Protein backbone atom coordinates (compact mmCIF):
# COMPACT_ATOMS: atom_id res chain seq x y z
CA MET A 1 0.00 0.00 0.00
CA ARG A 2 1.22 3.45 -0.93
CA ILE A 3 0.39 6.94 0.28
CA GLY A 4 0.69 9.76 -2.24
CA ILE A 5 0.73 13.39 -1.06
CA ASP A 6 0.85 16.57 -3.09
CA VAL A 7 1.33 19.95 -1.44
CA GLY A 8 -0.26 22.76 -3.44
CA GLY A 9 -0.61 26.46 -2.86
CA THR A 10 -4.24 26.05 -1.78
CA ASN A 11 -4.74 22.40 -0.76
CA THR A 12 -2.69 19.47 0.47
CA ASP A 13 -4.08 16.27 -1.06
CA ALA A 14 -3.44 12.69 0.02
CA VAL A 15 -4.50 9.27 -1.27
CA LEU A 16 -4.01 5.69 -0.13
CA LEU A 17 -3.63 3.10 -2.89
CA ASP A 18 -3.72 -0.68 -2.60
CA GLY A 19 -2.33 -1.77 -5.94
CA ASP A 20 -4.61 -0.05 -8.47
CA ARG A 21 -7.44 0.50 -5.99
CA VAL A 22 -8.04 3.86 -4.32
CA LEU A 23 -8.87 3.20 -0.64
CA ALA A 24 -9.12 6.75 0.67
CA THR A 25 -8.65 10.35 -0.44
CA VAL A 26 -8.27 13.53 1.60
CA LYS A 27 -8.20 17.17 0.51
CA SER A 28 -7.38 19.70 3.20
CA PRO A 29 -6.27 23.36 3.14
CA THR A 30 -2.53 23.94 2.95
CA THR A 31 -1.26 25.49 6.16
CA ALA A 32 1.12 28.42 6.36
CA GLU A 33 3.67 25.96 7.78
CA VAL A 34 3.47 23.38 4.99
CA THR A 35 4.97 20.43 6.88
CA GLY A 36 2.14 20.56 9.43
CA GLY A 37 -0.32 20.09 6.58
CA VAL A 38 1.54 16.96 5.49
CA VAL A 39 1.32 15.52 9.01
CA ALA A 40 -2.42 16.20 9.08
CA ALA A 41 -2.93 14.69 5.61
CA ILE A 42 -1.19 11.44 6.57
CA GLY A 43 -3.27 11.11 9.73
CA ALA A 44 -6.50 11.88 7.88
CA VAL A 45 -5.99 9.39 5.06
CA LEU A 46 -5.08 6.62 7.50
CA GLY A 47 -8.08 7.45 9.66
CA ALA A 48 -10.46 7.49 6.68
CA SER A 49 -9.25 4.11 5.42
CA GLY A 50 -8.82 2.29 8.73
CA VAL A 51 -5.52 0.90 7.45
CA PRO A 52 -2.84 0.44 10.13
CA PRO A 53 0.35 2.45 9.60
CA ALA A 54 2.43 -0.74 9.49
CA ALA A 55 0.64 -1.81 6.28
CA VAL A 56 2.01 1.16 4.31
CA THR A 57 4.95 0.14 2.11
CA ALA A 58 5.95 3.52 0.66
CA VAL A 59 5.10 7.22 0.93
CA MET A 60 5.51 9.58 -2.03
CA ILE A 61 5.39 13.36 -1.60
CA GLY A 62 5.30 16.16 -4.14
CA THR A 63 6.26 19.43 -2.49
CA THR A 64 6.41 23.14 -3.31
CA HIS A 65 8.92 23.95 -0.57
CA PHE A 66 11.94 24.38 -2.81
CA VAL A 67 10.50 26.31 -5.75
CA ASN A 68 8.74 28.62 -3.28
CA ALA A 69 12.05 29.32 -1.56
CA LEU A 70 13.61 30.40 -4.86
CA VAL A 71 10.64 32.48 -5.98
CA GLU A 72 10.47 34.22 -2.59
CA GLY A 73 14.26 34.58 -2.35
CA GLU A 74 14.16 33.25 1.20
CA ARG A 75 15.73 30.34 3.10
CA LEU A 76 18.59 30.18 0.56
CA ALA A 77 22.08 29.38 1.81
CA PRO A 78 25.08 31.58 0.89
CA THR A 79 26.66 29.78 -2.05
CA ALA A 80 29.99 29.79 -3.86
CA ALA A 81 30.10 29.25 -7.63
CA VAL A 82 33.24 27.57 -8.95
CA ARG A 83 33.55 27.42 -12.74
CA LEU A 84 36.20 25.31 -14.49
CA GLY A 85 36.83 26.87 -17.90
CA LEU A 86 39.81 29.23 -17.95
CA PRO A 87 41.30 30.59 -20.10
CA ALA A 88 37.86 30.62 -21.82
CA THR A 89 34.47 31.73 -20.36
CA ALA A 90 35.84 34.70 -18.38
CA ALA A 91 33.68 37.25 -20.26
CA LEU A 92 30.46 36.11 -18.58
CA PRO A 93 31.06 35.16 -14.93
CA PRO A 94 28.63 33.02 -12.91
CA MET A 95 25.33 34.67 -11.91
CA VAL A 96 25.93 37.49 -14.40
CA ASP A 97 22.27 37.57 -15.48
CA TRP A 98 20.62 36.88 -12.10
CA PRO A 99 18.12 39.25 -10.49
CA GLY A 100 19.81 41.47 -7.93
CA ARG A 101 17.64 40.22 -5.06
CA LEU A 102 18.74 36.61 -5.64
CA ARG A 103 22.40 37.57 -6.00
CA ALA A 104 22.07 39.31 -2.66
CA ALA A 105 20.29 36.31 -1.10
CA LEU A 106 23.20 34.02 -2.05
CA SER A 107 25.95 36.46 -1.05
CA PRO A 108 27.72 35.64 2.23
CA ASP A 109 28.50 39.33 2.92
CA ALA A 110 28.45 42.83 1.44
CA ASP A 111 31.18 41.91 -1.07
CA GLY A 112 28.65 40.11 -3.25
CA PRO A 113 28.43 36.49 -4.49
CA ALA A 114 31.38 34.15 -3.98
CA VAL A 115 32.39 33.58 -7.62
CA HIS A 116 35.58 31.79 -8.65
CA LEU A 117 36.93 31.09 -12.17
CA CYS A 118 39.46 28.26 -12.40
CA HIS A 119 41.22 26.23 -15.08
CA GLY A 120 39.76 22.95 -16.33
CA GLY A 121 36.85 21.70 -18.40
CA HIS A 122 36.67 19.85 -21.70
CA GLU A 123 35.99 20.30 -25.38
CA TYR A 124 32.80 18.86 -26.92
CA ASP A 125 34.56 15.56 -27.72
CA GLY A 126 36.06 15.04 -24.26
CA ARG A 127 39.51 16.51 -24.90
CA PRO A 128 40.75 18.70 -22.02
CA LEU A 129 40.14 22.40 -22.53
CA SER A 130 42.89 23.14 -20.02
CA ASP A 131 44.58 21.20 -17.26
CA LEU A 132 43.00 21.24 -13.84
CA ASP A 133 45.15 23.32 -11.48
CA GLU A 134 44.88 21.63 -8.09
CA ASP A 135 46.79 24.36 -6.25
CA GLU A 136 44.43 26.92 -7.74
CA LEU A 137 41.48 24.92 -6.42
CA ARG A 138 43.01 24.66 -2.95
CA ALA A 139 43.44 28.44 -2.90
CA THR A 140 39.82 28.78 -4.01
CA ALA A 141 38.73 26.51 -1.15
CA ALA A 142 40.63 28.69 1.31
CA ALA A 143 38.87 31.81 -0.03
CA ILE A 144 35.49 30.10 0.27
CA ALA A 145 36.21 28.98 3.83
CA ALA A 146 37.30 32.49 4.78
CA ARG A 147 33.87 33.81 3.81
CA GLY A 148 32.11 31.08 5.81
CA VAL A 149 30.34 29.51 2.82
CA ARG A 150 29.28 25.86 3.15
CA SER A 151 27.40 25.31 -0.12
CA VAL A 152 29.42 25.12 -3.33
CA ALA A 153 28.33 24.72 -6.97
CA VAL A 154 30.95 23.34 -9.37
CA SER A 155 30.44 23.70 -13.12
CA ALA A 156 32.83 22.80 -15.94
CA VAL A 157 32.68 23.41 -19.66
CA PHE A 158 31.07 20.39 -21.40
CA SER A 159 30.90 18.36 -18.19
CA PRO A 160 27.93 16.30 -19.57
CA VAL A 161 30.48 14.95 -22.09
CA SER A 162 33.22 14.33 -19.55
CA ALA A 163 32.69 14.81 -15.83
CA ASP A 164 36.31 14.07 -14.84
CA ALA A 165 37.22 17.69 -14.08
CA GLU A 166 34.13 18.30 -11.93
CA ARG A 167 34.58 15.08 -9.99
CA ARG A 168 38.25 15.80 -9.23
CA ALA A 169 37.47 19.41 -8.31
CA GLY A 170 34.74 18.15 -5.99
CA GLU A 171 37.18 15.80 -4.29
CA ILE A 172 39.69 18.59 -3.70
CA LEU A 173 37.11 21.05 -2.41
CA ALA A 174 35.57 18.44 -0.10
CA ALA A 175 38.99 17.56 1.32
CA GLU A 176 39.83 21.22 1.95
CA LEU A 177 36.43 22.40 3.25
CA GLY A 178 35.55 19.40 5.39
CA PRO A 179 32.82 16.77 5.47
CA ASP A 180 29.92 19.15 6.16
CA VAL A 181 30.30 21.12 2.91
CA HIS A 182 27.42 20.73 0.42
CA LEU A 183 28.77 20.19 -3.10
CA SER A 184 26.62 20.27 -6.23
CA LEU A 185 28.20 19.13 -9.52
CA SER A 186 26.61 20.42 -12.72
CA HIS A 187 26.87 17.21 -14.76
CA GLU A 188 24.48 15.58 -12.26
CA ILE A 189 21.88 18.34 -12.60
CA GLY A 190 21.72 20.12 -15.95
CA ARG A 191 22.22 19.50 -19.63
CA VAL A 192 24.55 20.76 -22.33
CA GLY A 193 24.70 24.58 -22.21
CA LEU A 194 27.10 26.11 -19.70
CA LEU A 195 25.28 29.14 -18.30
CA PRO A 196 21.81 27.61 -17.73
CA ARG A 197 23.38 24.39 -16.40
CA GLU A 198 25.58 26.40 -14.07
CA ASN A 199 22.58 28.44 -12.92
CA ALA A 200 20.62 25.28 -12.08
CA THR A 201 23.60 23.97 -10.12
CA ILE A 202 23.95 27.17 -8.10
CA VAL A 203 20.23 27.13 -7.28
CA ASN A 204 20.52 23.52 -6.20
CA ALA A 205 23.49 24.26 -3.96
CA ALA A 206 21.62 27.18 -2.36
CA LEU A 207 18.75 24.84 -1.48
CA ARG A 208 20.82 22.03 0.04
CA ASP A 209 20.52 23.22 3.67
CA LEU A 210 16.78 23.64 3.28
CA ALA A 211 16.51 20.19 1.68
CA VAL A 212 18.17 18.57 4.69
CA ARG A 213 15.69 20.27 7.03
CA ILE A 214 12.61 19.51 4.90
CA VAL A 215 13.46 15.86 4.37
CA ALA A 216 14.07 15.50 8.11
CA ALA A 217 10.69 17.13 8.80
CA PHE A 218 8.92 14.74 6.43
CA GLY A 219 10.68 11.85 8.15
CA ARG A 220 9.44 13.06 11.53
CA ALA A 221 5.91 13.29 10.10
CA LEU A 222 6.07 9.62 9.13
CA ASP A 223 7.46 8.70 12.55
CA GLU A 224 4.63 10.56 14.28
CA ALA A 225 2.13 8.64 12.16
CA GLY A 226 3.80 5.34 13.06
CA ILE A 227 4.86 4.68 9.46
CA GLY A 228 8.17 2.92 8.99
CA ALA A 229 7.95 2.78 5.19
CA PRO A 230 10.54 4.52 3.03
CA LEU A 231 9.89 8.06 1.84
CA PHE A 232 10.24 9.26 -1.76
CA LEU A 233 9.88 12.68 -3.34
CA SER A 234 8.38 13.31 -6.76
CA GLN A 235 10.64 14.63 -9.50
CA ASN A 236 9.94 17.02 -12.36
CA ASP A 237 9.76 14.21 -14.93
CA GLY A 238 7.13 12.13 -13.12
CA THR A 239 9.54 9.69 -11.48
CA LEU A 240 10.69 9.25 -7.88
CA MET A 241 13.85 9.90 -5.94
CA ASP A 242 14.76 8.63 -2.51
CA VAL A 243 15.46 10.91 0.43
CA GLU A 244 19.22 10.75 -0.01
CA ARG A 245 18.99 12.09 -3.54
CA ALA A 246 16.35 14.61 -2.43
CA ARG A 247 18.90 16.06 -0.01
CA GLU A 248 21.42 16.31 -2.84
CA GLN A 249 19.17 17.51 -5.69
CA PRO A 250 16.19 19.47 -4.36
CA ILE A 251 15.93 21.33 -7.68
CA ALA A 252 14.63 18.12 -9.24
CA THR A 253 11.32 18.63 -7.38
CA PHE A 254 10.53 22.11 -8.76
CA ALA A 255 7.75 21.12 -11.18
CA SER A 256 6.55 18.00 -9.40
CA GLY A 257 3.08 19.50 -8.80
CA PRO A 258 1.99 19.83 -12.46
CA THR A 259 3.80 16.59 -13.31
CA ASN A 260 1.95 14.64 -10.62
CA SER A 261 -1.37 15.98 -11.85
CA MET A 262 -0.63 14.94 -15.45
CA ARG A 263 0.52 11.49 -14.42
CA GLY A 264 -2.58 11.12 -12.25
CA ALA A 265 -4.75 12.24 -15.18
CA ALA A 266 -3.23 9.53 -17.37
CA TYR A 267 -3.84 6.90 -14.70
CA LEU A 268 -7.45 7.94 -14.01
CA SER A 269 -8.50 8.45 -17.64
CA GLY A 270 -6.62 5.54 -19.19
CA LEU A 271 -5.21 7.91 -21.83
CA ALA A 272 -1.51 7.96 -22.61
CA ASP A 273 -1.67 10.77 -25.17
CA CYS A 274 -3.82 13.80 -24.37
CA ALA A 275 -3.88 17.35 -23.09
CA VAL A 276 -4.28 17.82 -19.34
CA VAL A 277 -5.80 20.84 -17.64
CA ASP A 278 -5.10 20.88 -13.91
CA VAL A 279 -7.22 23.56 -12.24
CA GLY A 280 -6.22 24.20 -8.66
CA GLY A 281 -7.16 26.99 -6.31
CA THR A 282 -4.87 29.59 -7.86
CA THR A 283 -3.83 28.53 -11.36
CA ALA A 284 -4.76 26.27 -14.25
CA ASP A 285 -1.73 24.35 -15.55
CA VAL A 286 -1.91 22.98 -19.09
CA GLY A 287 0.42 20.27 -20.38
CA ILE A 288 0.63 17.50 -22.94
CA LEU A 289 0.99 13.80 -22.15
CA THR A 290 3.00 11.67 -24.57
CA GLY A 291 3.24 7.98 -23.83
CA GLY A 292 1.83 8.59 -20.36
CA PHE A 293 4.53 11.11 -19.38
CA PRO A 294 4.55 14.91 -19.60
CA ARG A 295 6.17 16.39 -22.67
CA GLU A 296 9.39 17.99 -21.51
CA ALA A 297 10.37 21.57 -22.26
CA SER A 298 12.83 21.49 -25.14
CA GLY A 299 14.86 24.55 -24.20
CA GLU A 300 15.60 26.65 -21.20
CA ALA A 301 13.18 27.25 -18.33
CA GLU A 302 13.10 30.39 -16.23
CA MET A 303 12.66 29.95 -12.50
CA GLY A 304 12.44 33.02 -10.30
CA GLY A 305 14.15 35.05 -13.02
CA VAL A 306 17.00 32.54 -13.44
CA ARG A 307 17.54 30.70 -16.74
CA THR A 308 18.05 26.95 -16.25
CA ASN A 309 18.08 23.82 -18.41
CA PHE A 310 17.33 20.88 -16.13
CA ARG A 311 14.50 18.42 -16.79
CA ILE A 312 11.13 20.14 -16.49
CA PRO A 313 7.71 19.54 -18.07
CA ASP A 314 6.42 21.85 -20.79
CA VAL A 315 3.57 23.58 -18.94
CA LEU A 316 1.65 26.79 -19.51
CA SER A 317 0.05 28.30 -16.42
CA LEU A 318 -3.00 30.53 -16.44
CA GLY A 319 -4.17 32.63 -13.49
CA ILE A 320 -7.52 30.86 -13.20
CA GLY A 321 -8.48 28.58 -10.29
CA GLY A 322 -11.20 27.83 -7.80
CA GLY A 323 -10.09 30.71 -5.60
CA SER A 324 -9.81 33.27 -8.42
CA LEU A 325 -11.51 36.62 -7.84
CA VAL A 326 -14.45 37.33 -10.17
CA ASP A 327 -15.76 40.52 -11.75
CA LEU A 328 -19.18 39.78 -13.23
CA ASP A 329 -19.36 43.16 -14.94
CA ALA A 330 -16.32 42.64 -17.16
CA PRO A 331 -16.66 39.60 -17.06
CA SER A 332 -13.26 38.43 -15.80
CA VAL A 333 -11.88 35.63 -13.63
CA GLY A 334 -8.41 35.87 -12.00
CA PRO A 335 -5.48 36.20 -11.93
CA ARG A 336 -5.78 37.33 -8.30
CA SER A 337 -6.87 34.56 -5.94
CA VAL A 338 -7.78 34.03 -2.30
CA GLY A 339 -5.52 30.95 -2.39
CA TYR A 340 -5.65 28.70 0.65
CA ARG A 341 -8.13 31.07 2.30
CA LEU A 342 -10.86 29.85 -0.06
CA THR A 343 -12.84 28.21 2.76
CA GLU A 344 -12.82 31.51 4.66
CA ARG A 345 -13.36 34.03 1.86
CA ALA A 346 -15.68 32.41 -0.73
CA LEU A 347 -19.39 33.28 -0.58
CA VAL A 348 -20.48 29.63 -0.33
CA PHE A 349 -18.38 29.27 2.83
CA GLY A 350 -19.83 32.37 4.45
CA GLY A 351 -17.19 34.80 3.25
CA ASP A 352 -17.58 38.11 1.44
CA THR A 353 -15.58 37.50 -1.76
CA LEU A 354 -16.98 36.31 -5.09
CA THR A 355 -14.73 33.51 -6.37
CA ALA A 356 -14.75 31.12 -9.30
CA THR A 357 -15.93 28.36 -6.95
CA ASP A 358 -19.04 30.45 -6.24
CA LEU A 359 -19.72 30.58 -9.98
CA ALA A 360 -19.49 26.79 -10.31
CA VAL A 361 -21.93 26.32 -7.41
CA ALA A 362 -24.32 28.97 -8.74
CA ALA A 363 -24.35 27.25 -12.15
CA GLY A 364 -25.09 23.87 -10.60
CA ARG A 365 -21.75 22.37 -11.59
CA ALA A 366 -20.61 21.63 -8.02
CA GLU A 367 -22.09 20.96 -4.60
CA ILE A 368 -19.75 22.87 -2.34
CA GLY A 369 -20.55 24.86 0.78
CA ASP A 370 -23.97 26.53 1.05
CA PRO A 371 -25.57 27.04 -2.42
CA SER A 372 -28.18 29.40 -0.96
CA ARG A 373 -25.50 32.05 -0.49
CA VAL A 374 -25.07 32.37 -4.29
CA ALA A 375 -28.68 31.76 -5.32
CA ARG A 376 -29.26 35.44 -6.04
CA LEU A 377 -26.41 35.76 -8.55
CA ASP A 378 -27.65 36.60 -12.05
CA ARG A 379 -27.56 33.29 -13.94
CA ALA A 380 -26.81 34.89 -17.32
CA ARG A 381 -23.83 36.80 -15.93
CA VAL A 382 -22.58 33.69 -14.15
CA GLU A 383 -22.73 31.69 -17.39
CA ALA A 384 -20.97 34.51 -19.26
CA ALA A 385 -18.10 34.51 -16.75
CA LEU A 386 -17.79 30.72 -16.97
CA ALA A 387 -17.83 30.90 -20.79
CA HIS A 388 -15.07 33.50 -20.62
CA THR A 389 -13.08 31.13 -18.40
CA ALA A 390 -13.61 28.18 -20.76
CA GLY A 391 -12.49 30.28 -23.73
CA ARG A 392 -9.24 31.31 -22.05
CA ILE A 393 -8.45 27.72 -21.03
CA ALA A 394 -9.26 26.43 -24.53
CA GLU A 395 -6.95 29.04 -26.05
CA THR A 396 -4.15 27.90 -23.73
CA VAL A 397 -4.67 24.23 -24.66
CA ASP A 398 -4.59 25.18 -28.32
CA ARG A 399 -1.26 26.96 -27.84
CA MET A 400 0.22 23.75 -26.44
CA ARG A 401 -0.76 21.61 -29.42
CA THR A 402 1.85 20.73 -32.03
CA SER A 403 -0.66 19.23 -34.51
CA PRO A 404 -4.11 20.21 -35.81
CA GLU A 405 -5.32 16.66 -35.15
CA PRO A 406 -8.11 16.31 -32.55
CA ILE A 407 -6.81 15.71 -29.05
CA PRO A 408 -8.74 14.63 -25.96
CA VAL A 409 -8.60 16.90 -22.93
CA VAL A 410 -8.59 15.55 -19.37
CA ALA A 411 -9.60 18.03 -16.66
CA VAL A 412 -8.40 17.35 -13.13
CA GLY A 413 -7.94 19.26 -9.89
CA GLY A 414 -10.53 20.56 -7.49
CA GLY A 415 -11.10 23.65 -9.63
CA SER A 416 -11.90 21.63 -12.76
CA VAL A 417 -15.59 21.92 -11.84
CA LEU A 418 -15.29 25.24 -13.68
CA ILE A 419 -14.93 23.32 -16.95
CA ASP A 420 -18.08 21.90 -18.48
CA ALA A 421 -16.90 22.06 -22.11
CA LEU A 422 -14.10 23.76 -24.05
CA PRO A 423 -14.78 25.47 -27.37
CA GLY A 424 -12.92 23.71 -30.18
CA PHE A 425 -12.42 20.46 -28.24
CA ALA A 426 -15.08 17.78 -28.63
CA ASP A 427 -13.64 15.28 -26.14
CA VAL A 428 -13.33 16.77 -22.63
CA ARG A 429 -13.24 14.32 -19.71
CA ARG A 430 -13.25 14.66 -15.93
CA PRO A 431 -12.47 11.21 -14.49
CA GLY A 432 -13.32 9.84 -11.06
CA HIS A 433 -11.12 11.09 -8.20
CA TYR A 434 -10.25 14.07 -10.43
CA ALA A 435 -9.88 16.36 -7.42
CA VAL A 436 -6.87 14.43 -6.06
CA ALA A 437 -5.22 13.47 -9.37
CA ASN A 438 -2.03 15.16 -8.17
CA ALA A 439 -1.74 12.91 -5.10
CA ILE A 440 -2.56 9.85 -7.22
CA GLY A 441 0.17 10.86 -9.65
CA ALA A 442 2.63 10.94 -6.76
CA ALA A 443 1.49 7.53 -5.48
CA ILE A 444 1.84 5.76 -8.86
CA ALA A 445 5.12 7.40 -9.82
CA GLN A 446 7.78 5.14 -11.27
CA VAL A 447 11.56 5.23 -11.05
CA GLY A 448 13.52 6.73 -13.91
CA GLY A 449 16.98 7.01 -15.34
CA GLU A 450 18.27 9.33 -18.04
CA VAL A 451 21.29 9.79 -20.28
CA ASP A 452 21.87 13.15 -21.96
CA ARG A 453 25.27 13.74 -23.47
CA VAL A 454 27.25 14.03 -26.69
CA PHE A 455 28.27 10.73 -28.31
CA GLN A 456 30.68 10.14 -31.18
CA VAL A 457 28.72 8.18 -33.83
CA PRO A 458 31.07 6.67 -36.45
CA PRO A 459 29.57 5.74 -39.84
CA GLY A 460 27.51 2.55 -39.61
CA ARG A 461 27.52 2.56 -35.79
CA ARG A 462 24.34 4.55 -35.04
CA ASP A 463 22.29 1.57 -33.79
CA ALA A 464 25.12 0.34 -31.58
CA VAL A 465 25.59 3.79 -29.99
CA LEU A 466 21.84 4.10 -29.40
CA ASP A 467 21.76 0.67 -27.79
CA GLU A 468 24.62 1.72 -25.53
CA ALA A 469 22.75 4.87 -24.46
CA LYS A 470 19.53 2.92 -23.84
CA ALA A 471 21.33 0.32 -21.73
CA GLU A 472 23.00 3.07 -19.72
CA ALA A 473 19.65 4.79 -19.05
CA ALA A 474 18.06 1.49 -18.01
CA ALA A 475 20.96 0.80 -15.66
CA HIS A 476 20.50 4.24 -14.08
CA ALA A 477 16.81 3.44 -13.50
CA GLU A 478 17.58 0.11 -11.84
CA ARG A 479 20.20 1.68 -9.58
CA ALA A 480 17.60 4.27 -8.58
CA GLY A 481 15.23 1.50 -7.41
CA ALA A 482 13.37 0.23 -10.49
CA ARG A 483 12.50 -3.47 -10.54
CA PRO A 484 14.54 -5.36 -13.17
CA GLY A 485 12.34 -6.53 -16.03
CA THR A 486 9.94 -3.58 -15.75
CA VAL A 487 12.22 -0.93 -17.22
CA ASP A 488 11.19 0.49 -20.59
CA VAL A 489 12.73 3.20 -22.73
CA VAL A 490 10.04 5.86 -23.09
CA ASP A 491 11.86 8.61 -24.94
CA VAL A 492 14.82 8.85 -27.34
CA GLU A 493 16.06 12.09 -28.83
CA GLU A 494 18.93 12.51 -31.29
CA VAL A 495 20.36 15.87 -32.31
CA PRO A 496 23.29 15.63 -34.79
CA LEU A 497 25.73 18.47 -34.12
CA ALA A 498 26.44 19.32 -37.75
CA TYR A 499 28.86 22.12 -36.84
CA LEU A 500 31.18 19.63 -35.10
CA PRO A 501 33.33 16.97 -36.79
CA GLY A 502 33.44 13.23 -36.10
CA GLY A 503 29.72 12.42 -36.13
CA ALA A 504 29.08 14.19 -32.83
CA THR A 505 25.45 13.65 -31.77
CA ARG A 506 23.62 14.72 -28.65
CA ILE A 507 21.58 11.71 -27.50
CA ARG A 508 19.00 11.84 -24.73
CA VAL A 509 17.38 8.60 -23.54
CA LYS A 510 14.84 8.27 -20.74
CA ALA A 511 13.94 4.91 -19.17
CA VAL A 512 11.39 4.20 -16.43
CA GLY A 513 10.38 1.17 -14.39
CA ASP A 514 8.15 0.21 -11.47
CA LEU A 515 9.37 0.81 -7.95
CA ASP A 516 10.82 -2.41 -6.55
CA LEU A 517 8.70 -2.75 -3.41
CA ASN A 518 10.17 -6.20 -2.66
CA ARG A 519 13.61 -4.66 -2.47
CA LEU A 520 12.21 -2.03 -0.14
CA GLU A 521 10.74 -4.74 2.10
CA ASN A 522 14.08 -6.58 2.15
CA ASP A 523 15.91 -3.36 3.00
CA ARG A 524 13.48 -2.72 5.88
CA ALA A 525 13.93 -6.28 7.14
């Protein structure tokens, strides 16, 4: 049995699954202190099901803690950025394009960010760009220690091709700075493209202290509930990572909310290829499922004003949700929202604010709160506002399509009661348990492995190189906890680098498999 939890801006949702059967679901308001909401959700779902805590075999959590910390510019640790690339790359130093408030948040003192340029790195084909200068790195470590910085991000030119320089630099810095230093290496986090990969690595390093505290808090929540099962966190690509990796790579959880909802939509609807509209309390997130997994963003993603290139789903967000403020005269819905105060502010709950949820109740689309409190709303104006909402969502879905072919749309999330039909889309579905699709997506998440680097592809050897990349991705998935025999390759991408000699090709392979619960049981025993 598995518990899936998803922490959203408005609600914290939890489900208990026994195989493919949903035993209990809980939707409760997110608290200002998010971890307390997780504790309450675990207790509520166990109480509703009557299942003893000892019967739970795994707990999966999707959390907004880390992306919120970046967006708010709070709870970030002072961080040093070490780049291996001299004599090249000096024109654009690390964090050169960051917002000033985030540069300040990561600076250990008034002198600004701790930025260090060192020799090292590789060419696209793995040849050294320059020799690693170990004395230079030891001097860099001394400068970092002098400023009291304990989180360090190491990035090297073309490290996804060859990670040797980063690994050796990490060893030297760890030896000089001591065992409690938090090191983040860019080849483990981002893709080809120095600046956005470096940015992602710096963000990850800045979140490492927070990740240790959050993971420990989640562990205490399980202990309080009497659950001894292992804990996993949801990743951006719809797969899971264990708590050890969560401490090391918190950035991998940034988009787990929309991803969980899309994976849950696929599970509940039985559709592997469709558009998904996840309407929460604050926003409507629109994405595309391909083969049961979210389509990934092909380029860079901006997070809190920082350009990054780690794995993240291709999602468009619209400021429409169940808590959105409504102007019937315009008509308009959103983008401002009452958020997690919906149950205090909405008319149907005795509040004084007209929200989108009130419109759904007034139109007879939902039975929430006290319908008599919205009975006097003008029905024509209510329907006009809902039609306006449907039109904006339909336009967003249309922007996400890459083909004029008809595509089914699956609506999930508590706010999806706003959607009755979408203009231009004949097949719109709202499956059972739609309100907690995000928590279900967390509970059913699989384990993944990925390879993304530049390969040399000699003439006549393309198939052999692809097989090598696929085997490597599958091995990564199994090491991460996937059960052997269940691992499948779900995505292969080849990009020949025509401007480089020697058949250089960027190959990205993603493999996923089912979580090996038997191995978990053996580890617990």
